[in-house]
Amino acid sequence: MKKAIYPGTFDPVTNGHLDIIKRACKIFDKIIVAVADNKDKKTMFSLHKRVEMMKKATKDLPKVEVKSFNSLLVEFAKKEDCKIIIRGLRAVSDFEYELQMGYANKSLDNEIDTIYLMPNLENAFISSSVVRSILKYNGDVSHLVPKEIIRDLNVYSN
């Protein structure tokens, strides 16, 4: 079975994330969406809520399994017996950071490979930080996030 891990904080999950997940499902038999518990990032939503929203957003994708992790990504990958990491690239500005992370992961585990996928052009500008900024001012994000999580976001913004 060919499987891959798609890691991130997903704070919250966006249509861009879902686009990458769907593209990865065309390539792999199983995608583990790994929701990071990163203590260095101040998240808007709790780890539990982020996992719950991701499960709602991917409920119709049978190849997807959502899990959380609070370790080095390569350690999580070893635990899951997975050698492929999926990362999304929206713009040139993402490339340098993602390349560094890919090399860092490779230095920690030589068997790990990173595959970079680009979202569709319509989703290329979407980021969780854009969604959070709009939410802070009670703006409409329904065109930026999966419809399955709109109620979760509305609860936060009210």
C-alpha atoms as a PDB file:
ATOM      1  CA  MET A   1       0.000   0.000   0.000  1.00  0.00           C
ATOM      2  CA  LYS A   2       1.347   3.415  -0.968  1.00  0.00           C
ATOM      3  CA  LYS A   3       0.687   5.907   1.804  1.00  0.00           C
ATOM      4  CA  ALA A   4       1.701   9.447   2.595  1.00  0.00           C
ATOM      5  CA  ILE A   5       1.437  11.916   5.441  1.00  0.00           C
ATOM      6  CA  TYR A   6       0.090  15.417   4.922  1.00  0.00           C
ATOM      7  CA  PRO A   7       1.101  17.379   8.044  1.00  0.00           C
ATOM      8  CA  GLY A   8       0.051  20.822   9.219  1.00  0.00           C
ATOM      9  CA  THR A   9      -1.585  22.796  11.974  1.00  0.00           C
ATOM     10  CA  PHE A  10      -4.749  23.269   9.879  1.00  0.00           C
ATOM     11  CA  ASP A  11      -5.900  26.230  11.975  1.00  0.00           C
ATOM     12  CA  PRO A  12      -8.467  25.988  10.383  1.00  0.00           C
ATOM     13  CA  VAL A  13      -8.590  23.632   7.415  1.00  0.00           C
ATOM     14  CA  THR A  14      -9.102  25.543   4.156  1.00  0.00           C
ATOM     15  CA  ASN A  15     -10.218  24.706   0.630  1.00  0.00           C
ATOM     16  CA  GLY A  16      -6.527  24.872  -0.313  1.00  0.00           C
ATOM     17  CA  HIS A  17      -5.711  22.109   2.179  1.00  0.00           C
ATOM     18  CA  LEU A  18      -8.619  20.038   0.901  1.00  0.00           C
ATOM     19  CA  ASP A  19      -7.422  20.567  -2.680  1.00  0.00           C
ATOM     20  CA  ILE A  20      -3.974  19.154  -1.773  1.00  0.00           C
ATOM     21  CA  ILE A  21      -5.563  16.219   0.069  1.00  0.00           C
ATOM     22  CA  LYS A  22      -7.744  15.346  -2.933  1.00  0.00           C
ATOM     23  CA  ARG A  23      -4.743  15.551  -5.269  1.00  0.00           C
ATOM     24  CA  ALA A  24      -2.740  13.278  -2.952  1.00  0.00           C
ATOM     25  CA  CYS A  25      -5.627  10.777  -2.941  1.00  0.00           C
ATOM     26  CA  LYS A  26      -5.155  10.379  -6.705  1.00  0.00           C
ATOM     27  CA  ILE A  27      -1.536   9.316  -6.146  1.00  0.00           C
ATOM     28  CA  PHE A  28      -1.632   7.310  -2.903  1.00  0.00           C
ATOM     29  CA  ASP A  29      -3.749   4.519  -1.439  1.00  0.00           C
ATOM     30  CA  LYS A  30      -3.882   6.148   1.982  1.00  0.00           C
ATOM     31  CA  ILE A  31      -3.328   9.702   3.221  1.00  0.00           C
ATOM     32  CA  ILE A  32      -2.728  10.345   6.889  1.00  0.00           C
ATOM     33  CA  VAL A  33      -3.636  13.947   7.598  1.00  0.00           C
ATOM     34  CA  ALA A  34      -1.413  14.704  10.577  1.00  0.00           C
ATOM     35  CA  VAL A  35      -2.680  17.622  12.666  1.00  0.00           C
ATOM     36  CA  ALA A  36       0.262  19.088  14.558  1.00  0.00           C
ATOM     37  CA  ASP A  37       0.160  20.070  18.202  1.00  0.00           C
ATOM     38  CA  ASN A  38       2.827  22.735  17.794  1.00  0.00           C
ATOM     39  CA  LYS A  39       3.430  24.546  21.086  1.00  0.00           C
ATOM     40  CA  ASP A  40       5.404  27.269  19.247  1.00  0.00           C
ATOM     41  CA  LYS A  41       2.324  28.365  17.297  1.00  0.00           C
ATOM     42  CA  LYS A  42      -0.521  30.207  18.966  1.00  0.00           C
ATOM     43  CA  THR A  43      -3.520  28.585  17.350  1.00  0.00           C
ATOM     44  CA  MET A  44      -7.041  29.974  17.184  1.00  0.00           C
ATOM     45  CA  PHE A  45      -8.555  26.511  17.602  1.00  0.00           C
ATOM     46  CA  SER A  46      -7.624  23.737  20.031  1.00  0.00           C
ATOM     47  CA  LEU A  47      -5.957  20.583  18.763  1.00  0.00           C
ATOM     48  CA  HIS A  48      -9.155  18.648  19.453  1.00  0.00           C
ATOM     49  CA  LYS A  49     -11.230  21.158  17.450  1.00  0.00           C
ATOM     50  CA  ARG A  50      -8.763  21.177  14.533  1.00  0.00           C
ATOM     51  CA  VAL A  51      -8.852  17.369  14.337  1.00  0.00           C
ATOM     52  CA  GLU A  52     -12.651  17.417  14.538  1.00  0.00           C
ATOM     53  CA  MET A  53     -12.927  19.997  11.729  1.00  0.00           C
ATOM     54  CA  MET A  54     -10.496  18.049   9.527  1.00  0.00           C
ATOM     55  CA  LYS A  55     -12.493  14.850  10.064  1.00  0.00           C
ATOM     56  CA  LYS A  56     -15.677  16.671   9.033  1.00  0.00           C
ATOM     57  CA  ALA A  57     -13.987  18.150   5.954  1.00  0.00           C
ATOM     58  CA  THR A  58     -12.603  14.779   4.802  1.00  0.00           C
ATOM     59  CA  LYS A  59     -15.488  12.504   5.814  1.00  0.00           C
ATOM     60  CA  ASP A  60     -16.281  11.682   2.175  1.00  0.00           C
ATOM     61  CA  LEU A  61     -12.680  10.750   1.315  1.00  0.00           C
ATOM     62  CA  PRO A  62     -12.270   7.057   2.228  1.00  0.00           C
ATOM     63  CA  LYS A  63      -8.503   7.096   1.676  1.00  0.00           C
ATOM     64  CA  VAL A  64      -8.015   9.731   4.402  1.00  0.00           C
ATOM     65  CA  GLU A  65      -7.310   9.102   8.060  1.00  0.00           C
ATOM     66  CA  VAL A  66      -6.935  12.064  10.436  1.00  0.00           C
ATOM     67  CA  LYS A  67      -4.541  11.831  13.392  1.00  0.00           C
ATOM     68  CA  SER A  68      -2.829  14.283  15.693  1.00  0.00           C
ATOM     69  CA  PHE A  69       0.827  14.307  16.674  1.00  0.00           C
ATOM     70  CA  ASN A  70       3.102  16.205  19.053  1.00  0.00           C
ATOM     71  CA  SER A  71       6.538  14.961  18.076  1.00  0.00           C
ATOM     72  CA  LEU A  72       9.004  15.484  15.271  1.00  0.00           C
ATOM     73  CA  LEU A  73       7.289  14.727  11.986  1.00  0.00           C
ATOM     74  CA  VAL A  74       9.888  12.078  11.104  1.00  0.00           C
ATOM     75  CA  GLU A  75       9.184  10.304  14.408  1.00  0.00           C
ATOM     76  CA  PHE A  76       5.461  10.334  13.644  1.00  0.00           C
ATOM     77  CA  ALA A  77       6.215   9.023  10.142  1.00  0.00           C
ATOM     78  CA  LYS A  78       8.281   6.151  11.600  1.00  0.00           C
ATOM     79  CA  LYS A  79       5.451   5.287  13.988  1.00  0.00           C
ATOM     80  CA  GLU A  80       3.043   5.210  11.027  1.00  0.00           C
ATOM     81  CA  ASP A  81       5.530   3.256   8.875  1.00  0.00           C
ATOM     82  CA  CYS A  82       5.347   5.972   6.217  1.00  0.00           C
ATOM     83  CA  LYS A  83       8.197   7.314   4.089  1.00  0.00           C
ATOM     84  CA  ILE A  84       6.419  10.014   2.061  1.00  0.00           C
ATOM     85  CA  ILE A  85       5.479  13.508   3.226  1.00  0.00           C
ATOM     86  CA  ILE A  86       3.138  15.696   1.195  1.00  0.00           C
ATOM     87  CA  ARG A  87       3.492  19.483   1.329  1.00  0.00           C
ATOM     88  CA  GLY A  88       1.584  22.169  -0.511  1.00  0.00           C
ATOM     89  CA  LEU A  89       3.183  25.053  -2.384  1.00  0.00           C
ATOM     90  CA  ARG A  90       1.014  28.100  -3.035  1.00  0.00           C
ATOM     91  CA  ALA A  91       3.652  30.593  -4.131  1.00  0.00           C
ATOM     92  CA  VAL A  92       7.380  31.029  -4.603  1.00  0.00           C
ATOM     93  CA  SER A  93       7.508  32.403  -1.043  1.00  0.00           C
ATOM     94  CA  ASP A  94       6.486  28.947   0.282  1.00  0.00           C
ATOM     95  CA  PHE A  95       9.208  27.169  -1.657  1.00  0.00           C
ATOM     96  CA  GLU A  96      12.287  28.193   0.349  1.00  0.00           C
ATOM     97  CA  TYR A  97      10.728  27.291   3.705  1.00  0.00           C
ATOM     98  CA  GLU A  98       9.323  24.001   2.436  1.00  0.00           C
ATOM     99  CA  LEU A  99      12.623  23.065   0.791  1.00  0.00           C
ATOM    100  CA  GLN A 100      14.474  23.686   4.073  1.00  0.00           C
ATOM    101  CA  MET A 101      11.958  21.579   5.991  1.00  0.00           C
ATOM    102  CA  GLY A 102      12.219  18.792   3.421  1.00  0.00           C
ATOM    103  CA  TYR A 103      16.006  18.761   3.735  1.00  0.00           C
ATOM    104  CA  ALA A 104      15.803  18.894   7.543  1.00  0.00           C
ATOM    105  CA  ASN A 105      13.444  15.899   7.586  1.00  0.00           C
ATOM    106  CA  LYS A 106      15.734  14.035   5.161  1.00  0.00           C
ATOM    107  CA  SER A 107      18.713  14.747   7.460  1.00  0.00           C
ATOM    108  CA  LEU A 108      16.816  13.167  10.357  1.00  0.00           C
ATOM    109  CA  ASP A 109      15.671  10.143   8.358  1.00  0.00           C
ATOM    110  CA  ASN A 110      17.330   9.415   5.014  1.00  0.00           C
ATOM    111  CA  GLU A 111      14.384   7.247   3.928  1.00  0.00           C
ATOM    112  CA  ILE A 112      11.892  10.145   4.092  1.00  0.00           C
ATOM    113  CA  ASP A 113      10.952  11.833   0.822  1.00  0.00           C
ATOM    114  CA  THR A 114       8.852  14.958   0.403  1.00  0.00           C
ATOM    115  CA  ILE A 115       6.495  15.512  -2.509  1.00  0.00           C
ATOM    116  CA  TYR A 116       5.281  19.038  -3.203  1.00  0.00           C
ATOM    117  CA  LEU A 117       1.846  19.629  -4.694  1.00  0.00           C
ATOM    118  CA  MET A 118       0.332  22.873  -5.899  1.00  0.00           C
ATOM    119  CA  PRO A 119      -3.338  23.684  -5.312  1.00  0.00           C
ATOM    120  CA  ASN A 120      -5.611  24.792  -8.123  1.00  0.00           C
ATOM    121  CA  LEU A 121      -5.166  28.448  -9.027  1.00  0.00           C
ATOM    122  CA  GLU A 122      -8.485  29.349  -7.390  1.00  0.00           C
ATOM    123  CA  ASN A 123      -7.147  28.088  -4.048  1.00  0.00           C
ATOM    124  CA  ALA A 124      -3.580  29.351  -4.366  1.00  0.00           C
ATOM    125  CA  PHE A 125      -4.137  32.507  -2.281  1.00  0.00           C
ATOM    126  CA  ILE A 126      -5.947  30.787   0.591  1.00  0.00           C
ATOM    127  CA  SER A 127      -4.116  30.294   3.858  1.00  0.00           C
ATOM    128  CA  SER A 128      -5.266  29.587   7.393  1.00  0.00           C
ATOM    129  CA  SER A 129      -3.855  32.937   8.490  1.00  0.00           C
ATOM    130  CA  VAL A 130      -6.016  34.759   5.898  1.00  0.00           C
ATOM    131  CA  VAL A 131      -9.070  32.873   7.174  1.00  0.00           C
ATOM    132  CA  ARG A 132      -8.214  33.690  10.808  1.00  0.00           C
ATOM    133  CA  SER A 133      -7.776  37.373   9.976  1.00  0.00           C
ATOM    134  CA  ILE A 134     -11.176  37.521   8.296  1.00  0.00           C
ATOM    135  CA  LEU A 135     -12.803  35.610  11.168  1.00  0.00           C
ATOM    136  CA  LYS A 136     -11.466  38.103  13.730  1.00  0.00           C
ATOM    137  CA  TYR A 137     -13.573  40.783  12.053  1.00  0.00           C
ATOM    138  CA  ASN A 138     -16.621  38.527  11.584  1.00  0.00           C
ATOM    139  CA  GLY A 139     -16.088  38.422   7.818  1.00  0.00           C
ATOM    140  CA  ASP A 140     -17.483  35.793   5.473  1.00  0.00           C
ATOM    141  CA  VAL A 141     -15.059  32.905   4.900  1.00  0.00           C
ATOM    142  CA  SER A 142     -17.570  30.492   3.370  1.00  0.00           C
ATOM    143  CA  HIS A 143     -15.781  30.626  -0.010  1.00  0.00           C
ATOM    144  CA  LEU A 144     -12.412  29.798   1.603  1.00  0.00           C
ATOM    145  CA  VAL A 145     -13.192  26.775   3.790  1.00  0.00           C
ATOM    146  CA  PRO A 146     -15.029  23.455   3.395  1.00  0.00           C
ATOM    147  CA  LYS A 147     -18.782  23.861   3.909  1.00  0.00           C
ATOM    148  CA  GLU A 148     -18.686  21.113   6.548  1.00  0.00           C
ATOM    149  CA  ILE A 149     -16.851  23.374   9.025  1.00  0.00           C
ATOM    150  CA  ILE A 150     -18.703  26.692   8.532  1.00  0.00           C
ATOM    151  CA  ARG A 151     -20.831  26.135  11.641  1.00  0.00           C
ATOM    152  CA  ASP A 152     -17.675  25.477  13.698  1.00  0.00           C
ATOM    153  CA  LEU A 153     -16.192  28.771  12.511  1.00  0.00           C
ATOM    154  CA  ASN A 154     -19.411  30.724  13.083  1.00  0.00           C
ATOM    155  CA  VAL A 155     -19.494  29.512  16.674  1.00  0.00           C
ATOM    156  CA  TYR A 156     -15.999  30.911  17.146  1.00  0.00           C
ATOM    157  CA  SER A 157     -16.670  34.305  15.576  1.00  0.00           C
ATOM    158  CA  ASN A 158     -19.873  35.018  17.543  1.00  0.00           C
END
